[in-house]
Amino acid sequence: MGLGSFPTVPLAEARDKARQHRALVKQGVDPIASRRAASSAASAERQAQKTFSEVAAQYIAQHEKSWKNAKHQAQWAATLRTYAEPSIGRLLVRDIRSAHVIAVLEPIWTTKTETATRVRSRIELVLDYAAARGYREGLNPARWKGNLDAALPNASKVAPVRHHAAVEVKEVAAFMKSLRAQGGVGARALEFAVLTAARSGEVRGVTWAEIDLKAALWTIPATRMKSGREHRVPLSKPAIKLLRALPGDRLPQDHVFPGMRGPLSDMSLTAVLRRMDVSATAHGFRSTFRDWVSEYTEHSGEVAEMALSHAIGDKVEAAYRRGDLLEKRVALMTDWASFLSSSRRAASNGA
């Protein structure tokens, strides 16, 4: 067994080490195996000494490919960099306690509640990742239930959820009449969004490759859907008429509603509403559509939820559902288009 080279290890020290190791042998301990174990433990300890900033960077690198867009990736990194890392960035993840997480959240919990809840969730995910990697042990100090909920007020009580402003069902037909009088690509995109009850991002990104005018069908690929699943949207006659009236060559790669460079910006539809002095959001028309189904029709809620491409909360139901109720949704969207084209008085009477 080597004891170290001379003169780094003096002769007297070498003799002392030799006596210690002989004593271990007499006790039935293998000094070589013992030294290797100590070296391995020290190496593992060094590898486990990861700071929050290091682990956060690892987590983002591992998961960013599964995130839908670059904006989400940027938000993840930015929120942690702005709010978490100044307080806990240099701390080893194994040393982070609930008090540290509270120190991050407390200054913004009542003033930037939505951001604070996202920061908490992201810290929790990073620390879960750290535990899975063996960098820390014990319960996650960023968990809410049974932990932070005792130290911070409920987020919904501090800042109640604000739903997207929507046009009342009885007013939507009159709105559509005014919208059709508006010029510009943004107005047509908004009209198409209302007719299809689609999300504004889905409408702004649509290309002609997704549109089948003969089949009256819009097929949105899974990569562009919030649910991560392909979604088929039946197109009513007014929606087809709108598409046929659009200028352009209709090349598969072309955007149906082009902006200056590529698709329309996310503010284009909002600008139309502001120009019309309507205090609603483009997303709010999905709520209008849902209210119309519930209050003015006999179409089932299941068909409406499928039309909106909402996720199925019940995992068992989601596992067994195979179809997308397309035929029923064709009838639904036809009725919706008719309602949108009705007079204001007829709409208010539930026609």
Protein backbone atom coordinates (compact mmCIF):
# COMPACT_ATOMS: atom_id res chain seq x y z
CA MET A 1 0.00 0.00 0.00
CA GLY A 2 1.49 3.33 -1.04
CA LEU A 3 1.79 5.96 1.66
CA GLY A 4 2.87 8.90 -0.51
CA SER A 5 6.13 9.93 -2.13
CA PHE A 6 9.20 11.41 -0.40
CA PRO A 7 9.78 14.22 0.47
CA THR A 8 6.06 15.14 0.33
CA VAL A 9 5.51 12.52 3.02
CA PRO A 10 8.46 12.56 5.49
CA LEU A 11 9.83 9.26 6.80
CA ALA A 12 8.42 9.78 10.29
CA GLU A 13 4.93 10.45 8.90
CA ALA A 14 5.19 7.35 6.69
CA ARG A 15 6.09 5.20 9.69
CA ASP A 16 3.16 6.65 11.64
CA LYS A 17 0.75 5.90 8.76
CA ALA A 18 2.12 2.38 8.48
CA ARG A 19 1.46 1.76 12.18
CA GLN A 20 -2.13 3.04 11.79
CA HIS A 21 -2.80 0.80 8.79
CA ARG A 22 -1.31 -2.26 10.51
CA ALA A 23 -3.65 -1.57 13.41
CA LEU A 24 -6.60 -1.54 11.02
CA VAL A 25 -5.50 -4.86 9.51
CA LYS A 26 -5.42 -6.41 13.00
CA GLN A 27 -9.01 -5.17 13.44
CA GLY A 28 -10.03 -6.93 10.22
CA VAL A 29 -10.27 -3.72 8.17
CA ASP A 30 -8.74 -3.52 4.70
CA PRO A 31 -6.99 -0.10 4.70
CA ILE A 32 -6.80 0.00 0.89
CA ALA A 33 -10.54 -0.64 0.49
CA SER A 34 -11.23 1.85 3.26
CA ARG A 35 -9.19 4.53 1.53
CA ARG A 36 -10.94 3.89 -1.79
CA ALA A 37 -14.34 4.16 -0.11
CA ALA A 38 -13.36 7.46 1.51
CA SER A 39 -12.11 8.79 -1.82
CA SER A 40 -15.31 7.70 -3.57
CA ALA A 41 -17.47 9.32 -0.89
CA ALA A 42 -15.49 12.55 -1.17
CA SER A 43 -15.90 12.54 -4.96
CA ALA A 44 -19.65 11.93 -4.68
CA GLU A 45 -19.89 14.73 -2.13
CA ARG A 46 -18.15 17.16 -4.49
CA GLN A 47 -20.46 16.19 -7.37
CA ALA A 48 -23.53 16.70 -5.17
CA GLN A 49 -22.49 20.23 -4.23
CA LYS A 50 -24.67 21.97 -6.81
CA THR A 51 -25.96 25.51 -6.46
CA PHE A 52 -29.52 26.44 -7.32
CA SER A 53 -28.33 28.38 -10.37
CA GLU A 54 -26.43 25.37 -11.67
CA VAL A 55 -29.34 23.00 -11.19
CA ALA A 56 -31.81 25.48 -12.71
CA ALA A 57 -29.62 25.68 -15.82
CA GLN A 58 -29.49 21.87 -15.99
CA TYR A 59 -33.26 21.60 -15.63
CA ILE A 60 -33.93 24.12 -18.40
CA ALA A 61 -31.43 22.42 -20.72
CA GLN A 62 -33.10 19.05 -20.10
CA HIS A 63 -36.68 20.22 -20.56
CA GLU A 64 -36.63 23.14 -23.01
CA LYS A 65 -37.07 20.87 -26.03
CA SER A 66 -40.45 19.78 -24.69
CA TRP A 67 -41.64 23.36 -24.24
CA LYS A 68 -43.85 24.68 -27.00
CA ASN A 69 -42.15 27.93 -27.91
CA ALA A 70 -39.11 30.11 -27.39
CA LYS A 71 -41.16 32.63 -25.44
CA HIS A 72 -41.92 30.04 -22.76
CA GLN A 73 -38.25 29.10 -22.56
CA ALA A 74 -37.24 32.74 -22.16
CA GLN A 75 -39.86 33.31 -19.45
CA TRP A 76 -38.63 30.31 -17.47
CA ALA A 77 -35.05 31.54 -17.40
CA ALA A 78 -36.01 35.19 -16.88
CA THR A 79 -38.30 34.65 -13.89
CA LEU A 80 -35.74 32.54 -12.05
CA ARG A 81 -32.91 34.91 -12.91
CA THR A 82 -34.88 37.98 -11.81
CA TYR A 83 -36.61 36.74 -8.68
CA ALA A 84 -34.99 33.53 -7.40
CA GLU A 85 -31.29 33.63 -8.17
CA PRO A 86 -30.46 36.90 -6.36
CA SER A 87 -31.56 35.23 -3.10
CA ILE A 88 -30.87 31.52 -3.55
CA GLY A 89 -28.80 31.25 -6.73
CA ARG A 90 -25.51 30.63 -4.89
CA LEU A 91 -26.96 28.35 -2.24
CA LEU A 92 -26.37 24.63 -2.53
CA VAL A 93 -29.72 23.03 -3.35
CA ARG A 94 -29.30 20.64 -0.42
CA ASP A 95 -29.21 23.61 1.96
CA ILE A 96 -32.33 25.40 0.69
CA ARG A 97 -35.14 25.56 3.24
CA SER A 98 -38.70 26.91 3.18
CA ALA A 99 -37.47 30.14 4.76
CA HIS A 100 -35.26 30.77 1.73
CA VAL A 101 -38.17 30.21 -0.67
CA ILE A 102 -40.41 32.52 1.39
CA ALA A 103 -37.72 35.19 1.21
CA VAL A 104 -37.92 34.96 -2.59
CA LEU A 105 -41.71 35.05 -2.79
CA GLU A 106 -42.80 37.38 -0.01
CA PRO A 107 -41.71 40.67 -1.64
CA ILE A 108 -43.79 39.96 -4.79
CA TRP A 109 -46.59 37.75 -3.46
CA THR A 110 -49.17 40.55 -3.12
CA THR A 111 -47.87 42.92 -5.80
CA LYS A 112 -47.04 40.48 -8.61
CA THR A 113 -49.11 37.51 -7.53
CA GLU A 114 -49.36 35.70 -10.86
CA THR A 115 -45.61 36.00 -11.41
CA ALA A 116 -44.93 34.91 -7.83
CA THR A 117 -47.00 31.75 -8.22
CA ARG A 118 -45.06 30.86 -11.36
CA VAL A 119 -41.76 31.49 -9.59
CA ARG A 120 -42.81 29.21 -6.73
CA SER A 121 -43.87 26.46 -9.13
CA ARG A 122 -40.61 26.70 -11.05
CA ILE A 123 -38.49 26.62 -7.90
CA GLU A 124 -40.42 23.52 -6.83
CA LEU A 125 -39.73 21.81 -10.17
CA VAL A 126 -36.02 22.65 -10.03
CA LEU A 127 -35.73 21.27 -6.48
CA ASP A 128 -37.67 18.12 -7.45
CA TYR A 129 -35.17 17.69 -10.27
CA ALA A 130 -32.32 18.17 -7.78
CA ALA A 131 -33.73 15.45 -5.53
CA ALA A 132 -34.09 13.06 -8.47
CA ARG A 133 -30.46 13.72 -9.34
CA GLY A 134 -29.33 13.07 -5.79
CA TYR A 135 -28.31 16.65 -5.07
CA ARG A 136 -30.66 17.01 -2.10
CA GLU A 137 -32.87 14.96 0.19
CA GLY A 138 -36.08 15.50 2.11
CA LEU A 139 -39.37 17.22 1.31
CA ASN A 140 -39.42 19.99 -1.26
CA PRO A 141 -39.29 23.35 0.57
CA ALA A 142 -41.14 25.06 -2.29
CA ARG A 143 -44.20 22.82 -2.12
CA TRP A 144 -47.42 24.70 -1.42
CA LYS A 145 -49.79 22.34 0.40
CA GLY A 146 -48.79 21.65 3.97
CA ASN A 147 -45.85 24.02 3.73
CA LEU A 148 -45.92 27.46 2.14
CA ASP A 149 -49.71 27.68 2.45
CA ALA A 150 -49.14 28.25 6.17
CA ALA A 151 -46.82 31.19 5.54
CA LEU A 152 -48.38 32.95 2.54
CA PRO A 153 -52.00 33.89 1.75
CA ASN A 154 -53.80 31.98 -0.97
CA ALA A 155 -52.98 33.52 -4.35
CA SER A 156 -56.62 33.52 -5.46
CA LYS A 157 -57.55 35.58 -2.39
CA VAL A 158 -54.76 38.08 -2.95
CA ALA A 159 -55.34 38.48 -6.68
CA PRO A 160 -58.58 36.84 -7.87
CA VAL A 161 -58.33 35.17 -11.27
CA ARG A 162 -59.24 37.57 -14.03
CA HIS A 163 -61.00 35.94 -16.94
CA HIS A 164 -60.61 37.20 -20.48
CA ALA A 165 -63.10 39.99 -21.16
CA ALA A 166 -65.80 38.75 -23.51
CA VAL A 167 -68.65 40.16 -25.59
CA GLU A 168 -72.07 39.19 -24.27
CA VAL A 169 -73.83 36.48 -26.28
CA LYS A 170 -76.75 38.78 -27.08
CA GLU A 171 -74.33 41.38 -28.47
CA VAL A 172 -72.01 39.14 -30.50
CA ALA A 173 -74.06 39.18 -33.72
CA ALA A 174 -74.09 42.99 -33.74
CA PHE A 175 -70.35 42.92 -33.07
CA MET A 176 -69.77 40.61 -36.04
CA LYS A 177 -71.71 42.95 -38.31
CA SER A 178 -69.42 45.82 -37.27
CA LEU A 179 -66.34 43.64 -37.55
CA ARG A 180 -67.16 42.65 -41.13
CA ALA A 181 -67.21 46.34 -42.02
CA GLN A 182 -63.61 46.67 -40.84
CA GLY A 183 -60.81 46.37 -43.36
CA GLY A 184 -57.40 44.75 -42.98
CA VAL A 185 -55.86 41.36 -42.38
CA GLY A 186 -56.22 41.70 -38.61
CA ALA A 187 -59.99 42.13 -38.91
CA ARG A 188 -60.30 39.06 -41.12
CA ALA A 189 -58.17 37.02 -38.74
CA LEU A 190 -60.35 38.07 -35.81
CA GLU A 191 -63.51 37.23 -37.77
CA PHE A 192 -62.08 33.80 -38.58
CA ALA A 193 -61.16 33.30 -34.91
CA VAL A 194 -64.72 34.07 -33.80
CA LEU A 195 -66.25 31.80 -36.47
CA THR A 196 -64.02 28.87 -35.48
CA ALA A 197 -63.85 29.55 -31.71
CA ALA A 198 -60.10 29.03 -32.05
CA ARG A 199 -57.28 30.54 -30.02
CA SER A 200 -55.71 33.65 -31.52
CA GLY A 201 -52.29 31.96 -31.74
CA GLU A 202 -53.78 29.09 -33.73
CA VAL A 203 -55.40 31.56 -36.12
CA ARG A 204 -52.36 33.78 -36.52
CA GLY A 205 -50.15 30.79 -37.33
CA VAL A 206 -52.44 29.02 -39.79
CA THR A 207 -50.94 28.23 -43.21
CA TRP A 208 -52.76 27.20 -46.36
CA ALA A 209 -51.33 23.69 -45.95
CA GLU A 210 -53.65 23.27 -42.96
CA ILE A 211 -56.77 24.33 -44.89
CA ASP A 212 -58.85 22.00 -47.05
CA LEU A 213 -61.42 24.21 -48.74
CA LYS A 214 -63.15 21.32 -50.52
CA ALA A 215 -63.60 19.32 -47.33
CA ALA A 216 -64.34 22.50 -45.36
CA LEU A 217 -61.79 21.43 -42.77
CA TRP A 218 -58.92 23.08 -40.93
CA THR A 219 -56.42 20.61 -39.46
CA ILE A 220 -54.11 22.15 -36.88
CA PRO A 221 -50.98 20.03 -36.30
CA ALA A 222 -50.15 18.86 -32.79
CA THR A 223 -47.06 21.06 -32.70
CA ARG A 224 -49.24 24.17 -32.81
CA MET A 225 -51.82 23.04 -30.29
CA LYS A 226 -51.80 23.85 -26.58
CA SER A 227 -52.99 20.29 -25.91
CA GLY A 228 -50.16 18.80 -27.99
CA ARG A 229 -52.73 16.88 -30.09
CA GLU A 230 -53.86 17.41 -33.68
CA HIS A 231 -57.14 19.30 -33.80
CA ARG A 232 -59.64 19.32 -36.68
CA VAL A 233 -61.90 22.34 -37.03
CA PRO A 234 -64.98 22.13 -39.28
CA LEU A 235 -65.34 25.27 -41.35
CA SER A 236 -68.79 26.78 -41.76
CA LYS A 237 -69.90 28.38 -45.02
CA PRO A 238 -69.12 31.93 -43.78
CA ALA A 239 -65.62 30.77 -42.78
CA ILE A 240 -65.06 29.24 -46.23
CA LYS A 241 -66.38 32.40 -47.88
CA LEU A 242 -63.96 34.48 -45.82
CA LEU A 243 -61.00 32.31 -46.82
CA ARG A 244 -61.89 32.30 -50.53
CA ALA A 245 -62.07 36.09 -50.50
CA LEU A 246 -58.53 36.50 -49.15
CA PRO A 247 -55.86 37.69 -51.60
CA GLY A 248 -52.65 35.78 -52.30
CA ASP A 249 -51.41 32.69 -54.09
CA ARG A 250 -52.46 30.22 -51.37
CA LEU A 251 -49.16 28.38 -51.46
CA PRO A 252 -49.01 25.64 -48.79
CA GLN A 253 -46.28 27.38 -46.83
CA ASP A 254 -47.95 30.82 -46.93
CA HIS A 255 -49.71 32.16 -43.87
CA VAL A 256 -53.43 32.62 -44.38
CA PHE A 257 -53.27 35.88 -42.44
CA PRO A 258 -49.78 37.23 -43.17
CA GLY A 259 -48.11 40.00 -41.26
CA MET A 260 -45.27 42.20 -42.40
CA ARG A 261 -42.77 39.40 -41.78
CA GLY A 262 -44.36 36.02 -41.34
CA PRO A 263 -47.57 35.61 -39.30
CA LEU A 264 -49.50 38.43 -37.69
CA SER A 265 -48.20 39.73 -34.38
CA ASP A 266 -50.06 38.88 -31.18
CA MET A 267 -51.26 42.50 -30.96
CA SER A 268 -52.91 42.60 -34.38
CA LEU A 269 -56.27 41.23 -33.24
CA THR A 270 -56.18 43.37 -30.10
CA ALA A 271 -55.59 46.44 -32.25
CA VAL A 272 -58.77 45.70 -34.20
CA LEU A 273 -60.79 45.53 -30.99
CA ARG A 274 -59.29 48.77 -29.74
CA ARG A 275 -60.06 50.46 -33.04
CA MET A 276 -63.65 49.32 -32.65
CA ASP A 277 -63.68 50.52 -29.03
CA VAL A 278 -64.63 47.04 -27.79
CA SER A 279 -63.38 46.16 -24.31
CA ALA A 280 -62.97 42.45 -24.97
CA THR A 281 -60.08 40.17 -25.86
CA ALA A 282 -59.76 37.88 -28.84
CA HIS A 283 -59.61 34.94 -26.45
CA GLY A 284 -62.80 36.12 -24.78
CA PHE A 285 -64.87 35.10 -27.82
CA ARG A 286 -64.22 31.49 -26.87
CA SER A 287 -66.08 32.21 -23.64
CA THR A 288 -68.87 33.84 -25.63
CA PHE A 289 -69.08 30.71 -27.78
CA ARG A 290 -69.20 28.46 -24.70
CA ASP A 291 -71.92 30.57 -23.10
CA TRP A 292 -73.94 30.44 -26.33
CA VAL A 293 -73.74 26.64 -26.40
CA SER A 294 -74.93 26.38 -22.81
CA GLU A 295 -77.63 29.05 -22.85
CA TYR A 296 -78.97 29.08 -26.40
CA THR A 297 -78.59 25.57 -27.81
CA GLU A 298 -79.19 21.91 -27.11
CA HIS A 299 -75.68 20.90 -28.16
CA SER A 300 -73.89 18.95 -25.45
CA GLY A 301 -71.13 20.38 -23.31
CA GLU A 302 -68.90 17.52 -24.44
CA VAL A 303 -69.17 18.65 -28.07
CA ALA A 304 -68.50 22.26 -27.08
CA GLU A 305 -65.41 21.28 -25.07
CA MET A 306 -64.13 19.27 -28.02
CA ALA A 307 -64.69 22.26 -30.31
CA LEU A 308 -62.63 24.39 -27.93
CA SER A 309 -59.95 21.67 -27.75
CA HIS A 310 -60.01 21.72 -23.98
CA ALA A 311 -58.08 19.03 -22.15
CA ILE A 312 -60.12 16.25 -20.56
CA GLY A 313 -59.72 16.48 -16.81
CA ASP A 314 -60.66 12.86 -16.12
CA LYS A 315 -57.68 10.68 -17.07
CA VAL A 316 -59.83 7.57 -17.39
CA GLU A 317 -62.24 9.32 -19.75
CA ALA A 318 -59.31 10.73 -21.74
CA ALA A 319 -57.81 7.25 -22.10
CA TYR A 320 -61.03 5.79 -23.53
CA ARG A 321 -62.05 8.64 -25.78
CA ARG A 322 -60.86 8.03 -29.33
CA GLY A 323 -63.04 10.14 -31.65
CA ASP A 324 -63.19 13.91 -31.94
CA LEU A 325 -66.98 14.17 -32.51
CA LEU A 326 -66.35 15.84 -35.86
CA GLU A 327 -69.80 15.28 -37.37
CA LYS A 328 -71.50 16.74 -34.31
CA ARG A 329 -69.10 19.67 -34.37
CA VAL A 330 -69.93 20.35 -38.02
CA ALA A 331 -73.54 20.94 -36.95
CA LEU A 332 -72.40 22.96 -33.96
CA MET A 333 -70.21 25.34 -35.97
CA THR A 334 -72.92 25.71 -38.63
CA ASP A 335 -75.38 26.81 -35.94
CA TRP A 336 -72.79 29.15 -34.44
CA ALA A 337 -72.14 30.81 -37.81
CA SER A 338 -75.90 31.24 -38.32
CA PHE A 339 -76.21 32.82 -34.89
CA LEU A 340 -73.36 35.21 -35.63
CA SER A 341 -75.11 36.29 -38.82
CA SER A 342 -78.48 36.86 -37.16
CA SER A 343 -79.82 40.30 -36.30
CA ARG A 344 -79.16 41.77 -32.86
CA ARG A 345 -82.82 41.46 -31.95
CA ALA A 346 -82.94 37.81 -33.03
CA ALA A 347 -79.82 37.10 -31.04
CA SER A 348 -81.26 38.68 -27.92
CA ASN A 349 -84.38 36.52 -28.30
CA GLY A 350 -82.28 33.38 -28.45
CA ALA A 351 -82.92 32.65 -32.15
